[in-house]
Structure formats: structure tokens, C-alpha cells
């Protein structure tokens, strides 16, 4: 039997995820195997396109946002919304208003980011993309 008081849950940073995403472990150890966690994405948080080795289940507890599959299929995050993401199913997530999600993974939680051409990219590249060149302004010469 496991019982947890929500006031005592400790949300911690998730390795290789944006700083705006934190998790409180409810059961298991996501680094080594199957686990249940509460995942919190802060307002404005965006997790770039990625996939996991584990099958992932998400149930929205609170907040507003979305998860979108690589093919463009969206799920709006509203309380009670549910999605099952099979292994290696590329998706991205964002939250407009802080989201709390129940997350279940059936194996160790890893994250593999995907670039614009479908290639796997490093977490550094995904989380700190190079700035796009701005528009060129033609000024008057004096």
C-alpha cells in the first residue's frame, strides 16, 4: 500500500528536460524502471518534439495546454483528458496555464529529442536552439 499527502510531495528537476518541467515520484524509480509520477509543467512551458523508449500514459489533473503528435494530432490538456503514447511515438507538449499530469511509464524514463528532419538531436540542441537570423534591415547610407 502506498499513501501520499499532496502537501508533502517534492517536485524535482527532470534530467534532460526543460527547467520548467518538474516531477514528484509516486511509485517506482523512473531512472531505472517503471514508475508513476506527477509531472508539473509551469505556465508557458514547452517540451520540444521527442519520444521515449517506454510506453507513456498521461492523465491531466489540472491546467491548460496540449500534447501534439509528430503527425499533428493534438490533445488539449484539460482536467480528465487522457492519452496513451506508445514507445517511440514522437510528440511535444506545452502548457498555457500550469499543468499537473499523472504520468505512468512502463520502463525507465528516457527522452530522445527529434530535429526538424526527424533525426535524433541532443538535449542541448533541443533545449537551447541556435537563434534564427533576424531580418536584414537596409539603412540609408550617409
N, C-alpha and C. Protein backbone atom coordinates (compact mmCIF):
# COMPACT_ATOMS: atom_id res chain seq x y z
N UNK A 1 0.84 -1.18 0.00
CA UNK A 1 0.00 0.00 0.00
C UNK A 1 0.89 1.24 0.00
N UNK A 2 0.49 2.21 -0.80
CA UNK A 2 1.21 3.48 -0.86
C UNK A 2 0.21 4.59 -0.62
N UNK A 3 0.50 5.49 0.30
CA UNK A 3 -0.33 6.67 0.51
C UNK A 3 0.59 7.88 0.56
N UNK A 4 0.18 8.94 -0.10
CA UNK A 4 0.98 10.16 -0.15
C UNK A 4 0.08 11.36 0.11
N UNK A 5 0.58 12.27 0.86
CA UNK A 5 -0.13 13.51 1.14
C UNK A 5 0.35 14.55 0.13
N UNK A 6 -0.56 15.15 -0.66
CA UNK A 6 -0.12 16.10 -1.70
C UNK A 6 0.72 17.26 -1.15
N UNK A 7 0.50 17.65 0.09
CA UNK A 7 1.26 18.77 0.67
C UNK A 7 2.72 18.40 0.92
N UNK A 8 3.04 17.11 0.96
CA UNK A 8 4.42 16.71 1.25
C UNK A 8 5.19 16.27 0.01
N UNK A 9 4.54 16.28 -1.14
CA UNK A 9 5.24 15.88 -2.37
C UNK A 9 6.34 16.87 -2.70
N UNK A 10 7.47 16.34 -3.12
CA UNK A 10 8.61 17.17 -3.50
C UNK A 10 8.79 17.08 -5.01
N UNK A 11 8.62 18.20 -5.71
CA UNK A 11 8.83 18.24 -7.15
C UNK A 11 10.29 18.55 -7.42
N UNK A 12 10.90 17.74 -8.28
CA UNK A 12 12.33 17.88 -8.58
C UNK A 12 12.54 18.04 -10.08
N UNK A 13 13.70 18.56 -10.45
CA UNK A 13 14.06 18.70 -11.86
C UNK A 13 14.13 17.33 -12.51
N UNK A 14 13.85 17.29 -13.80
CA UNK A 14 13.90 16.04 -14.56
C UNK A 14 15.11 16.14 -15.49
N UNK A 15 16.03 15.19 -15.41
CA UNK A 15 17.22 15.24 -16.27
C UNK A 15 16.85 15.34 -17.76
N UNK A 16 17.56 16.19 -18.48
CA UNK A 16 17.41 16.38 -19.93
C UNK A 16 16.06 16.94 -20.35
N UNK A 17 15.32 17.51 -19.40
CA UNK A 17 14.04 18.16 -19.72
C UNK A 17 14.18 19.65 -19.46
N UNK A 18 13.28 20.46 -20.03
CA UNK A 18 13.33 21.90 -19.73
C UNK A 18 13.20 22.15 -18.23
N UNK A 19 13.79 23.22 -17.75
CA UNK A 19 13.75 23.56 -16.32
C UNK A 19 12.32 23.80 -15.83
N UNK A 20 11.41 24.13 -16.74
CA UNK A 20 10.02 24.41 -16.36
C UNK A 20 9.22 23.13 -16.11
N UNK A 21 9.84 21.96 -16.31
CA UNK A 21 9.18 20.67 -16.09
C UNK A 21 9.78 20.01 -14.85
N UNK A 22 8.94 19.67 -13.88
CA UNK A 22 9.39 19.00 -12.66
C UNK A 22 8.49 17.80 -12.39
N UNK A 23 8.96 16.91 -11.52
CA UNK A 23 8.19 15.70 -11.23
C UNK A 23 8.28 15.34 -9.76
N UNK A 24 7.19 14.76 -9.25
CA UNK A 24 7.16 14.17 -7.91
C UNK A 24 6.94 12.67 -8.10
N UNK A 25 7.86 11.88 -7.62
CA UNK A 25 7.77 10.43 -7.80
C UNK A 25 6.74 9.85 -6.84
N UNK A 26 5.78 9.12 -7.39
CA UNK A 26 4.75 8.48 -6.58
C UNK A 26 5.06 7.01 -6.31
N UNK A 27 5.62 6.34 -7.31
CA UNK A 27 5.90 4.91 -7.18
C UNK A 27 7.00 4.53 -8.16
N UNK A 28 7.93 3.68 -7.74
CA UNK A 28 8.99 3.22 -8.61
C UNK A 28 10.12 4.23 -8.70
N UNK A 29 11.00 4.00 -9.65
CA UNK A 29 12.13 4.89 -9.89
C UNK A 29 12.25 5.08 -11.39
N UNK A 30 11.87 6.27 -11.91
CA UNK A 30 11.87 6.49 -13.36
C UNK A 30 13.24 6.36 -14.02
N UNK A 31 14.32 6.44 -13.26
CA UNK A 31 15.65 6.28 -13.86
C UNK A 31 15.98 4.83 -14.16
N UNK A 32 15.34 3.90 -13.42
CA UNK A 32 15.72 2.50 -13.54
C UNK A 32 14.62 1.59 -14.06
N UNK A 33 13.36 2.03 -13.97
CA UNK A 33 12.28 1.13 -14.40
C UNK A 33 10.93 1.82 -14.38
N UNK A 34 9.90 1.01 -14.42
CA UNK A 34 8.54 1.52 -14.45
C UNK A 34 8.29 2.44 -13.26
N UNK A 35 7.49 3.49 -13.49
CA UNK A 35 7.23 4.44 -12.41
C UNK A 35 5.94 5.22 -12.67
N UNK A 36 5.41 5.74 -11.59
CA UNK A 36 4.30 6.69 -11.63
C UNK A 36 4.83 8.00 -11.07
N UNK A 37 4.56 9.09 -11.74
CA UNK A 37 4.98 10.41 -11.25
C UNK A 37 3.87 11.43 -11.50
N UNK A 38 3.90 12.49 -10.71
CA UNK A 38 3.12 13.67 -11.05
C UNK A 38 4.09 14.58 -11.78
N UNK A 39 3.73 14.96 -12.97
CA UNK A 39 4.54 15.82 -13.82
C UNK A 39 3.93 17.21 -13.79
N UNK A 40 4.74 18.21 -13.51
CA UNK A 40 4.24 19.59 -13.49
C UNK A 40 4.99 20.40 -14.55
N UNK A 41 4.22 21.01 -15.45
CA UNK A 41 4.76 21.91 -16.46
C UNK A 41 4.27 23.31 -16.11
N UNK A 42 5.20 24.22 -15.87
CA UNK A 42 4.85 25.59 -15.49
C UNK A 42 4.17 26.31 -16.65
N UNK A 43 3.47 27.38 -16.33
CA UNK A 43 2.84 28.21 -17.36
C UNK A 43 3.89 28.63 -18.38
N UNK A 44 3.57 28.46 -19.66
CA UNK A 44 4.49 28.82 -20.73
C UNK A 44 5.51 27.74 -21.04
N UNK A 45 5.52 26.64 -20.31
CA UNK A 45 6.49 25.57 -20.53
C UNK A 45 6.24 24.89 -21.88
N UNK A 46 7.32 24.57 -22.55
CA UNK A 46 7.25 23.86 -23.83
C UNK A 46 8.32 22.78 -23.84
N UNK A 47 7.89 21.54 -24.11
CA UNK A 47 8.83 20.42 -24.24
C UNK A 47 8.90 20.10 -25.73
N UNK A 48 10.06 20.31 -26.36
CA UNK A 48 10.19 20.11 -27.81
C UNK A 48 9.89 18.66 -28.23
N UNK A 49 9.75 18.48 -29.53
CA UNK A 49 9.44 17.18 -30.11
C UNK A 49 10.43 16.12 -29.61
N UNK A 50 9.87 15.00 -29.12
CA UNK A 50 10.70 13.95 -28.52
C UNK A 50 9.93 12.63 -28.48
N UNK A 51 10.62 11.57 -28.09
CA UNK A 51 9.99 10.27 -27.86
C UNK A 51 10.68 9.59 -26.68
N UNK A 52 10.01 8.55 -26.16
CA UNK A 52 10.54 7.77 -25.03
C UNK A 52 10.61 6.30 -25.44
N UNK A 53 11.53 5.56 -24.85
CA UNK A 53 11.58 4.12 -25.07
C UNK A 53 10.37 3.45 -24.43
N UNK A 54 9.97 3.93 -23.27
CA UNK A 54 8.82 3.37 -22.55
C UNK A 54 7.50 3.79 -23.20
N UNK A 55 6.48 2.98 -22.99
CA UNK A 55 5.11 3.41 -23.29
C UNK A 55 4.73 4.39 -22.20
N UNK A 56 4.04 5.47 -22.57
CA UNK A 56 3.73 6.54 -21.63
C UNK A 56 2.22 6.79 -21.60
N UNK A 57 1.69 6.94 -20.40
CA UNK A 57 0.29 7.26 -20.20
C UNK A 57 0.21 8.59 -19.47
N UNK A 58 -0.62 9.50 -19.95
CA UNK A 58 -0.81 10.80 -19.31
C UNK A 58 -2.28 11.01 -18.98
N UNK A 59 -2.55 11.48 -17.77
CA UNK A 59 -3.88 11.87 -17.35
C UNK A 59 -3.76 13.27 -16.77
N UNK A 60 -4.50 14.23 -17.33
CA UNK A 60 -4.41 15.62 -16.88
C UNK A 60 -5.18 15.79 -15.58
N UNK A 61 -4.50 16.29 -14.56
CA UNK A 61 -5.12 16.58 -13.27
C UNK A 61 -5.63 18.02 -13.26
N UNK A 62 -4.78 18.95 -13.71
CA UNK A 62 -5.17 20.36 -13.75
C UNK A 62 -4.34 21.09 -14.79
N UNK A 63 -4.82 22.27 -15.18
CA UNK A 63 -4.09 23.11 -16.11
C UNK A 63 -4.68 23.12 -17.50
N UNK A 64 -4.05 23.89 -18.36
CA UNK A 64 -4.46 24.01 -19.76
C UNK A 64 -3.22 23.99 -20.63
N UNK A 65 -3.25 23.18 -21.67
CA UNK A 65 -2.14 23.07 -22.60
C UNK A 65 -2.47 22.05 -23.65
N UNK A 66 -1.43 21.44 -24.23
CA UNK A 66 -1.68 20.42 -25.25
C UNK A 66 -0.46 19.53 -25.41
N UNK A 67 -0.73 18.35 -25.94
CA UNK A 67 0.32 17.45 -26.40
C UNK A 67 -0.02 17.18 -27.86
N UNK A 68 0.98 17.26 -28.72
CA UNK A 68 0.76 17.08 -30.15
C UNK A 68 1.72 16.04 -30.69
N UNK A 69 1.17 15.07 -31.41
CA UNK A 69 1.99 14.03 -32.03
C UNK A 69 2.69 14.61 -33.26
N UNK A 70 3.75 13.94 -33.70
CA UNK A 70 4.51 14.41 -34.85
C UNK A 70 3.63 14.57 -36.08
N UNK A 71 2.61 13.72 -36.21
CA UNK A 71 1.70 13.81 -37.36
C UNK A 71 0.71 14.96 -37.23
N UNK A 72 0.78 15.72 -36.11
CA UNK A 72 -0.09 16.87 -35.93
C UNK A 72 -1.34 16.59 -35.11
N UNK A 73 -1.55 15.34 -34.69
CA UNK A 73 -2.72 15.01 -33.89
C UNK A 73 -2.59 15.66 -32.51
N UNK A 74 -3.51 16.59 -32.15
CA UNK A 74 -3.40 17.26 -30.86
C UNK A 74 -4.34 16.66 -29.81
N UNK A 75 -3.96 16.81 -28.56
CA UNK A 75 -4.85 16.55 -27.43
C UNK A 75 -4.80 17.78 -26.56
N UNK A 76 -5.93 18.39 -26.33
CA UNK A 76 -5.98 19.56 -25.46
C UNK A 76 -5.91 19.09 -24.01
N UNK A 77 -5.01 19.70 -23.25
CA UNK A 77 -4.91 19.41 -21.82
C UNK A 77 -6.03 20.13 -21.10
N UNK A 78 -6.97 19.39 -20.64
CA UNK A 78 -8.00 19.89 -19.74
C UNK A 78 -8.16 18.81 -18.68
N UNK A 79 -8.57 19.14 -17.47
CA UNK A 79 -8.68 18.13 -16.42
C UNK A 79 -9.50 16.92 -16.90
N UNK A 80 -8.92 15.74 -16.71
CA UNK A 80 -9.57 14.50 -17.11
C UNK A 80 -9.14 13.98 -18.47
N UNK A 81 -8.46 14.79 -19.29
CA UNK A 81 -8.00 14.34 -20.61
C UNK A 81 -6.96 13.24 -20.42
N UNK A 82 -6.98 12.27 -21.33
CA UNK A 82 -6.11 11.10 -21.23
C UNK A 82 -5.46 10.84 -22.58
N UNK A 83 -4.21 10.41 -22.56
CA UNK A 83 -3.57 9.93 -23.78
C UNK A 83 -2.60 8.81 -23.45
N UNK A 84 -2.47 7.89 -24.38
CA UNK A 84 -1.50 6.81 -24.30
C UNK A 84 -0.55 6.99 -25.47
N UNK A 85 0.73 7.05 -25.19
CA UNK A 85 1.75 7.26 -26.21
C UNK A 85 2.63 6.02 -26.25
N UNK A 86 2.53 5.23 -27.33
CA UNK A 86 3.36 4.02 -27.41
C UNK A 86 4.84 4.37 -27.55
N UNK A 87 5.68 3.41 -27.24
CA UNK A 87 7.12 3.56 -27.35
C UNK A 87 7.50 4.19 -28.69
N UNK A 88 8.42 5.15 -28.62
CA UNK A 88 8.99 5.82 -29.80
C UNK A 88 7.99 6.67 -30.59
N UNK A 89 6.87 7.01 -29.98
CA UNK A 89 5.87 7.85 -30.63
C UNK A 89 6.24 9.32 -30.38
N UNK A 90 6.74 10.01 -31.40
CA UNK A 90 7.21 11.39 -31.23
C UNK A 90 6.04 12.33 -30.90
N UNK A 91 6.28 13.22 -29.93
CA UNK A 91 5.27 14.18 -29.51
C UNK A 91 5.96 15.37 -28.85
N UNK A 92 5.19 16.45 -28.69
CA UNK A 92 5.67 17.63 -27.97
C UNK A 92 4.55 18.10 -27.07
N UNK A 93 4.89 18.87 -26.05
CA UNK A 93 3.87 19.33 -25.10
C UNK A 93 4.11 20.78 -24.76
N UNK A 94 3.02 21.46 -24.41
CA UNK A 94 3.13 22.83 -23.93
C UNK A 94 1.99 23.11 -22.97
N UNK A 95 2.22 24.04 -22.06
CA UNK A 95 1.20 24.43 -21.09
C UNK A 95 1.04 25.93 -21.07
N UNK A 96 -0.20 26.38 -21.27
CA UNK A 96 -0.50 27.80 -21.19
C UNK A 96 -0.69 28.21 -19.72
N UNK A 97 -1.32 27.35 -18.96
CA UNK A 97 -1.54 27.55 -17.52
C UNK A 97 -1.03 26.30 -16.83
N UNK A 98 -0.24 26.45 -15.80
CA UNK A 98 0.45 25.33 -15.15
C UNK A 98 -0.36 24.04 -15.21
N UNK A 99 0.29 22.99 -15.71
CA UNK A 99 -0.34 21.68 -15.87
C UNK A 99 0.24 20.70 -14.86
N UNK A 100 -0.63 19.91 -14.26
CA UNK A 100 -0.22 18.79 -13.43
C UNK A 100 -0.80 17.55 -14.09
N UNK A 101 0.07 16.59 -14.39
CA UNK A 101 -0.32 15.39 -15.10
C UNK A 101 0.11 14.16 -14.31
N UNK A 102 -0.74 13.15 -14.28
CA UNK A 102 -0.32 11.84 -13.79
C UNK A 102 0.36 11.17 -14.96
N UNK A 103 1.59 10.73 -14.76
CA UNK A 103 2.39 10.12 -15.82
C UNK A 103 2.81 8.73 -15.38
N UNK A 104 2.53 7.77 -16.23
CA UNK A 104 2.94 6.40 -15.97
C UNK A 104 3.80 5.93 -17.14
N UNK A 105 4.95 5.37 -16.81
CA UNK A 105 5.83 4.80 -17.84
C UNK A 105 6.11 3.36 -17.44
N UNK A 106 6.10 2.45 -18.43
CA UNK A 106 6.27 1.03 -18.12
C UNK A 106 7.73 0.56 -18.18
N UNK A 107 8.66 1.49 -18.31
CA UNK A 107 10.09 1.20 -18.30
C UNK A 107 10.81 2.47 -17.86
N UNK A 108 12.11 2.42 -17.78
CA UNK A 108 12.88 3.61 -17.39
C UNK A 108 12.51 4.79 -18.29
N UNK A 109 12.45 5.97 -17.69
CA UNK A 109 12.07 7.18 -18.42
C UNK A 109 13.32 7.79 -19.05
N UNK A 110 13.35 7.77 -20.37
CA UNK A 110 14.41 8.44 -21.12
C UNK A 110 13.73 9.41 -22.07
N UNK A 111 14.49 10.29 -22.64
CA UNK A 111 13.92 11.24 -23.59
C UNK A 111 14.88 11.39 -24.76
N UNK A 112 14.34 11.29 -25.97
CA UNK A 112 15.11 11.40 -27.20
C UNK A 112 14.48 12.52 -28.03
N UNK A 113 15.19 13.62 -28.17
CA UNK A 113 14.67 14.76 -28.92
C UNK A 113 14.81 14.54 -30.42
N UNK A 114 13.90 15.12 -31.17
CA UNK A 114 13.83 14.94 -32.61
C UNK A 114 13.99 16.29 -33.30
N UNK A 115 14.86 16.33 -34.30
CA UNK A 115 15.09 17.55 -35.06
C UNK A 115 14.08 17.73 -36.18
N UNK A 116 14.19 18.81 -36.93
CA UNK A 116 13.21 19.14 -37.97
C UNK A 116 13.13 18.12 -39.11
N UNK A 117 14.19 17.34 -39.31
CA UNK A 117 14.19 16.34 -40.38
C UNK A 117 13.94 14.93 -39.85
N UNK A 118 13.51 14.83 -38.59
CA UNK A 118 13.22 13.54 -38.00
C UNK A 118 14.42 12.85 -37.37
N UNK A 119 15.58 13.49 -37.40
CA UNK A 119 16.79 12.92 -36.83
C UNK A 119 16.83 13.16 -35.32
N UNK A 120 17.48 12.26 -34.60
CA UNK A 120 17.63 12.45 -33.16
C UNK A 120 18.68 13.52 -32.92
N UNK A 121 18.38 14.44 -31.99
CA UNK A 121 19.31 15.52 -31.64
C UNK A 121 19.56 15.49 -30.14
N UNK A 122 20.62 16.15 -29.71
CA UNK A 122 20.97 16.17 -28.29
C UNK A 122 19.98 17.04 -27.52
N UNK A 123 19.93 16.81 -26.21
CA UNK A 123 19.06 17.65 -25.37
C UNK A 123 19.53 19.10 -25.40
N UNK A 124 20.85 19.31 -25.48
CA UNK A 124 21.37 20.68 -25.55
C UNK A 124 20.85 21.40 -26.80
N UNK A 125 20.86 20.69 -27.91
CA UNK A 125 20.39 21.27 -29.17
C UNK A 125 18.88 21.53 -29.12
N UNK A 126 18.13 20.62 -28.53
CA UNK A 126 16.67 20.77 -28.47
C UNK A 126 16.26 21.87 -27.51
N UNK A 127 16.95 21.96 -26.37
CA UNK A 127 16.54 22.90 -25.33
C UNK A 127 17.17 24.28 -25.48
N UNK A 128 18.25 24.37 -26.27
CA UNK A 128 18.93 25.65 -26.50
C UNK A 128 19.17 25.84 -27.99
N UNK A 129 18.09 25.93 -28.77
CA UNK A 129 18.29 26.03 -30.22
C UNK A 129 19.06 27.30 -30.59
N UNK A 130 19.80 27.21 -31.68
CA UNK A 130 20.54 28.37 -32.17
C UNK A 130 19.55 29.44 -32.59
N UNK A 131 19.86 30.69 -32.31
CA UNK A 131 18.94 31.76 -32.71
C UNK A 131 18.82 31.84 -34.22
N UNK A 132 17.62 32.12 -34.65
CA UNK A 132 17.39 32.30 -36.09
C UNK A 132 17.88 33.67 -36.49
N UNK A 133 18.45 33.77 -37.67
CA UNK A 133 18.89 35.10 -38.10
C UNK A 133 17.69 36.02 -38.27
N UNK A 134 17.85 37.24 -37.81
CA UNK A 134 16.77 38.22 -37.93
C UNK A 134 16.70 38.78 -39.33
N UNK A 135 15.64 39.52 -39.62
CA UNK A 135 15.51 40.13 -40.94
C UNK A 135 16.60 41.18 -41.15
N UNK A 136 17.03 41.28 -42.36
CA UNK A 136 18.04 42.28 -42.68
C UNK A 136 17.36 43.62 -42.92
N UNK A 137 17.91 44.63 -42.30
CA UNK A 137 17.37 45.98 -42.49
C UNK A 137 18.34 46.76 -43.36
N UNK A 138 17.77 47.38 -44.34
CA UNK A 138 18.61 48.21 -45.20
C UNK A 138 18.48 49.64 -44.72
N UNK A 139 19.55 50.13 -44.22
CA UNK A 139 19.57 51.52 -43.75
C UNK A 139 20.09 52.44 -44.84
N UNK A 140 19.79 53.69 -44.65
CA UNK A 140 20.30 54.69 -45.60
C UNK A 140 21.77 54.93 -45.31
N UNK A 141 22.52 55.02 -46.37
CA UNK A 141 23.94 55.36 -46.21
C UNK A 141 24.07 56.86 -46.22
N UNK A 142 24.94 57.32 -45.40
CA UNK A 142 25.15 58.77 -45.34
C UNK A 142 26.43 59.13 -45.99
